[in-house]
Amino acid sequence: MRAHGHSINEIRQRLMQKRQHSYLRDWVYGSIDGAVTTFAVIAGSLGADLNLMVVVILGIANLLGDGFSMAAANFLGTKTEHDEYHFYKTFEQRQIDEAPAGEREEIRQIFINKGFDGEDLERIVERVVSDKKLWIKTMLQEEYGLAASVRSPWVAALSTFSAFLLCGLIPLVPFLFHVRSAFELSIASTGLVFFLIGSVKSLWSLQSWWKSGFLTLLIGGVAAILAFTVGRLFRSFG
């Protein structure tokens, strides 16, 4: 991440900008699961010695079915965060109207725990309770640990679904085009996807790009090996 300036104007402008929500988690979650599950379906199917057309059908079914399922689950989960936020916001609004003295004391205790006392404490309490929106926002963050704002469930779901389709399609491409040694090429391309996902993810962490890439590759590889092994076992019992 590029260092930002620290002049008074730069700091003011930066803090006044509308905060953009990060959907990196949703994209990484969808991309890894898309690549893992699609390749696991392929590996399991080939391990069971199924027809290549069946492999393709199962792979496409996984892409659309599991991808939509993940997106829907992410949508509902993120929407629940919205519902929770608005529930507690409405509750605090009612509490402030019905018991303002008690809610004021809660604000006071919050800032006592932050190390304020004396005139500084009374001044900041007065400032917070004089603005009802600020009062409610402070209570939501400090009492319930909620974020200042919540993410869009639509964007979260779309991020997961698009990443799932994009990365989940890659293991299937060699079979769609009937490429020679399709399984070997699928292994190589899927491994590369795992490594790239981990490497890109490292841009937002303190872990080196190659460690993050290798860890993601390792996790995906274990899932693929398990799926292939299960397919082989079913084949031996068939």
Protein backbone atom coordinates (compact mmCIF):
# COMPACT_ATOMS: atom_id res chain seq x y z
CA MET A 1 0.00 0.00 0.00
CA ARG A 2 1.32 3.41 -0.99
CA ALA A 3 2.17 5.78 1.86
CA HIS A 4 -0.12 8.80 2.12
CA GLY A 5 0.73 12.41 2.84
CA HIS A 6 0.52 13.98 6.30
CA SER A 7 0.02 17.66 5.61
CA ILE A 8 -3.03 19.23 7.28
CA ASN A 9 -4.93 19.48 3.99
CA GLU A 10 -4.05 15.91 2.95
CA ILE A 11 -5.18 14.52 6.30
CA ARG A 12 -8.41 16.54 6.23
CA GLN A 13 -9.28 15.49 2.69
CA ARG A 14 -8.47 11.84 3.39
CA LEU A 15 -10.63 11.72 6.53
CA MET A 16 -13.52 13.52 4.82
CA GLN A 17 -13.62 11.04 1.94
CA LYS A 18 -16.44 8.51 1.97
CA ARG A 19 -15.04 5.20 3.14
CA GLN A 20 -15.12 2.47 0.51
CA HIS A 21 -16.00 -1.01 1.71
CA SER A 22 -13.62 -3.81 0.87
CA TYR A 23 -15.02 -6.88 -0.87
CA LEU A 24 -11.63 -8.62 -1.08
CA ARG A 25 -12.77 -11.29 1.38
CA ASP A 26 -15.77 -12.15 -0.80
CA TRP A 27 -13.65 -12.33 -3.95
CA VAL A 28 -10.94 -14.49 -2.37
CA TYR A 29 -13.55 -16.76 -0.79
CA GLY A 30 -15.37 -17.23 -4.10
CA SER A 31 -12.25 -17.66 -6.22
CA ILE A 32 -10.62 -20.27 -3.98
CA ASP A 33 -13.82 -22.23 -3.48
CA GLY A 34 -14.61 -22.09 -7.20
CA ALA A 35 -11.23 -23.49 -8.19
CA VAL A 36 -11.16 -26.06 -5.37
CA THR A 37 -14.67 -27.46 -5.81
CA THR A 38 -14.59 -27.59 -9.61
CA PHE A 39 -11.24 -29.33 -9.67
CA ALA A 40 -12.37 -31.62 -6.85
CA VAL A 41 -15.39 -32.62 -8.96
CA ILE A 42 -13.11 -33.28 -11.94
CA ALA A 43 -10.56 -35.21 -9.89
CA GLY A 44 -13.23 -37.25 -8.14
CA SER A 45 -15.00 -38.04 -11.41
CA LEU A 46 -11.81 -39.11 -13.15
CA GLY A 47 -10.79 -41.07 -10.08
CA ALA A 48 -14.04 -42.98 -10.44
CA ASP A 49 -13.25 -43.43 -14.17
CA LEU A 50 -16.37 -41.61 -15.36
CA ASN A 51 -16.93 -40.63 -19.00
CA LEU A 52 -15.39 -37.27 -20.00
CA MET A 53 -18.80 -35.90 -20.97
CA VAL A 54 -20.04 -36.71 -17.48
CA VAL A 55 -17.01 -34.90 -16.06
CA VAL A 56 -17.88 -31.78 -18.07
CA ILE A 57 -21.55 -31.93 -17.09
CA LEU A 58 -20.71 -32.31 -13.42
CA GLY A 59 -18.16 -29.50 -13.64
CA ILE A 60 -20.64 -27.08 -15.23
CA ALA A 61 -23.33 -28.09 -12.75
CA ASN A 62 -20.92 -27.35 -9.92
CA LEU A 63 -19.99 -23.97 -11.42
CA LEU A 64 -23.57 -22.78 -11.69
CA GLY A 65 -25.17 -24.57 -8.75
CA ASP A 66 -22.48 -24.20 -6.12
CA GLY A 67 -21.53 -20.73 -7.34
CA PHE A 68 -25.11 -19.50 -7.01
CA SER A 69 -25.47 -21.23 -3.65
CA MET A 70 -22.37 -19.49 -2.30
CA ALA A 71 -23.49 -16.12 -3.66
CA ALA A 72 -26.96 -16.55 -2.16
CA ALA A 73 -25.51 -17.55 1.20
CA ASN A 74 -23.17 -14.55 1.16
CA PHE A 75 -26.07 -12.26 0.21
CA LEU A 76 -28.21 -13.52 3.08
CA GLY A 77 -25.31 -13.41 5.53
CA THR A 78 -24.42 -9.83 4.62
CA LYS A 79 -28.09 -8.81 4.68
CA THR A 80 -28.27 -10.22 8.19
CA GLU A 81 -25.54 -7.73 9.13
CA HIS A 82 -27.81 -4.97 7.76
CA ASP A 83 -30.77 -6.28 9.76
CA GLU A 84 -28.69 -6.50 12.92
CA TYR A 85 -27.35 -2.96 12.44
CA HIS A 86 -30.82 -1.46 11.93
CA PHE A 87 -32.27 -3.48 14.81
CA TYR A 88 -29.76 -2.13 17.31
CA LYS A 89 -29.97 1.36 15.79
CA THR A 90 -33.74 1.42 16.33
CA PHE A 91 -33.30 -0.02 19.82
CA GLU A 92 -30.78 2.66 20.81
CA GLN A 93 -32.96 5.42 19.39
CA ARG A 94 -35.80 4.22 21.61
CA GLN A 95 -33.50 3.87 24.63
CA ILE A 96 -32.24 7.44 24.24
CA ASP A 97 -35.82 8.73 24.01
CA GLU A 98 -37.05 6.71 26.99
CA ALA A 99 -34.01 6.78 29.31
CA PRO A 100 -31.70 9.65 28.25
CA ALA A 101 -29.98 9.90 31.65
CA GLY A 102 -29.04 6.23 31.62
CA GLU A 103 -27.82 6.36 28.03
CA ARG A 104 -25.80 9.48 28.82
CA GLU A 105 -24.15 7.61 31.68
CA GLU A 106 -23.30 4.77 29.30
CA ILE A 107 -21.47 7.27 27.07
CA ARG A 108 -19.70 8.60 30.14
CA GLN A 109 -18.56 5.11 31.18
CA ILE A 110 -17.39 4.36 27.65
CA PHE A 111 -15.02 7.33 27.67
CA ILE A 112 -13.92 6.70 31.26
CA ASN A 113 -12.75 3.29 30.05
CA LYS A 114 -10.82 5.07 27.30
CA GLY A 115 -8.89 7.06 29.90
CA PHE A 116 -10.83 10.37 29.93
CA ASP A 117 -11.58 12.13 33.21
CA GLY A 118 -12.33 15.54 34.70
CA GLU A 119 -13.27 18.38 32.39
CA ASP A 120 -12.09 16.52 29.30
CA LEU A 121 -14.49 13.70 30.09
CA GLU A 122 -17.47 15.98 30.66
CA ARG A 123 -16.68 17.98 27.54
CA ILE A 124 -16.56 14.95 25.25
CA VAL A 125 -19.71 13.44 26.81
CA GLU A 126 -21.55 16.71 26.23
CA ARG A 127 -20.32 16.84 22.64
CA VAL A 128 -21.49 13.30 21.89
CA VAL A 129 -24.95 13.52 23.50
CA SER A 130 -25.65 16.92 21.89
CA ASP A 131 -25.73 15.19 18.48
CA LYS A 132 -28.24 12.33 18.44
CA LYS A 133 -26.78 10.73 15.30
CA LEU A 134 -23.30 10.78 16.81
CA TRP A 135 -24.73 9.48 20.09
CA ILE A 136 -26.38 6.49 18.41
CA LYS A 137 -23.36 5.82 16.21
CA THR A 138 -21.07 5.83 19.26
CA MET A 139 -23.32 3.39 21.09
CA LEU A 140 -23.49 1.02 18.12
CA GLN A 141 -19.73 0.93 17.77
CA GLU A 142 -18.73 0.93 21.44
CA GLU A 143 -21.51 -1.09 23.08
CA TYR A 144 -22.24 -3.63 20.36
CA GLY A 145 -18.97 -3.61 18.40
CA LEU A 146 -20.74 -2.89 15.10
CA ALA A 147 -19.01 -1.28 12.15
CA ALA A 148 -19.68 2.36 11.32
CA SER A 149 -21.52 1.19 8.18
CA VAL A 150 -22.36 -2.13 6.58
CA ARG A 151 -21.43 -3.58 3.20
CA SER A 152 -23.79 -4.04 0.27
CA PRO A 153 -25.17 -7.61 0.18
CA TRP A 154 -25.58 -7.32 -3.61
CA VAL A 155 -21.95 -6.37 -4.21
CA ALA A 156 -20.76 -9.04 -1.77
CA ALA A 157 -22.81 -11.73 -3.54
CA LEU A 158 -21.77 -10.59 -7.01
CA SER A 159 -18.09 -10.56 -5.97
CA THR A 160 -18.33 -14.13 -4.72
CA PHE A 161 -20.29 -15.40 -7.74
CA SER A 162 -18.09 -13.75 -10.39
CA ALA A 163 -14.88 -14.93 -8.71
CA PHE A 164 -16.32 -18.45 -8.36
CA LEU A 165 -17.21 -18.61 -12.06
CA LEU A 166 -13.94 -17.09 -13.26
CA CYS A 167 -11.58 -19.26 -11.24
CA GLY A 168 -13.82 -22.32 -11.23
CA LEU A 169 -13.97 -22.38 -15.02
CA ILE A 170 -10.21 -22.70 -15.45
CA PRO A 171 -9.88 -26.37 -14.36
CA LEU A 172 -12.71 -27.22 -16.75
CA VAL A 173 -11.39 -25.48 -19.89
CA PRO A 174 -9.12 -28.34 -21.10
CA PHE A 175 -12.10 -30.72 -21.02
CA LEU A 176 -14.43 -28.27 -22.79
CA PHE A 177 -12.01 -28.07 -25.72
CA HIS A 178 -11.04 -31.77 -25.66
CA VAL A 179 -7.37 -30.92 -25.18
CA ARG A 180 -4.93 -33.82 -25.16
CA SER A 181 -3.73 -34.65 -21.63
CA ALA A 182 -6.62 -32.57 -20.33
CA PHE A 183 -6.31 -33.77 -16.75
CA GLU A 184 -2.62 -32.94 -16.51
CA LEU A 185 -3.26 -29.49 -17.99
CA SER A 186 -6.15 -29.01 -15.58
CA ILE A 187 -3.86 -29.84 -12.67
CA ALA A 188 -1.23 -27.36 -13.83
CA SER A 189 -3.68 -24.52 -14.57
CA THR A 190 -5.56 -25.03 -11.30
CA GLY A 191 -2.32 -25.05 -9.33
CA LEU A 192 -1.33 -21.81 -11.03
CA VAL A 193 -4.70 -20.27 -10.13
CA PHE A 194 -4.28 -21.26 -6.49
CA PHE A 195 -0.81 -19.74 -6.40
CA LEU A 196 -1.91 -16.52 -8.12
CA ILE A 197 -4.87 -16.07 -5.77
CA GLY A 198 -2.61 -16.41 -2.77
CA SER A 199 0.00 -14.09 -4.28
CA VAL A 200 -2.54 -11.37 -5.04
CA LYS A 201 -4.05 -11.76 -1.57
CA SER A 202 -0.62 -11.02 -0.06
CA LEU A 203 -0.93 -7.40 -1.26
CA TRP A 204 -3.30 -6.84 1.66
CA SER A 205 -1.30 -8.78 4.25
CA LEU A 206 2.15 -8.82 5.82
CA GLN A 207 2.89 -12.28 4.43
CA SER A 208 5.27 -12.54 1.48
CA TRP A 209 3.67 -13.20 -1.90
CA TRP A 210 5.34 -16.57 -2.39
CA LYS A 211 4.38 -17.84 1.10
CA SER A 212 0.77 -16.77 0.61
CA GLY A 213 0.73 -18.31 -2.86
CA PHE A 214 2.26 -21.58 -1.69
CA LEU A 215 -0.15 -21.87 1.27
CA THR A 216 -3.16 -21.40 -1.01
CA LEU A 217 -1.71 -23.92 -3.46
CA LEU A 218 -1.21 -26.40 -0.61
CA ILE A 219 -4.81 -26.05 0.62
CA GLY A 220 -6.20 -26.51 -2.88
CA GLY A 221 -3.92 -29.46 -3.55
CA VAL A 222 -5.04 -31.28 -0.41
CA ALA A 223 -8.71 -30.84 -1.41
CA ALA A 224 -8.01 -32.19 -4.90
CA ILE A 225 -6.07 -35.20 -3.59
CA LEU A 226 -8.89 -36.06 -1.18
CA ALA A 227 -11.49 -35.85 -3.95
CA PHE A 228 -9.42 -37.99 -6.33
CA THR A 229 -8.83 -40.57 -3.57
CA VAL A 230 -12.55 -40.78 -2.79
CA GLY A 231 -13.27 -41.29 -6.50
CA ARG A 232 -10.73 -44.11 -6.66
CA LEU A 233 -12.26 -45.78 -3.61
CA PHE A 234 -15.75 -45.72 -5.13
CA ARG A 235 -14.31 -47.09 -8.34
CA SER A 236 -12.72 -50.01 -6.47
CA PHE A 237 -16.02 -50.76 -4.73
CA GLY A 238 -17.99 -50.53 -7.98
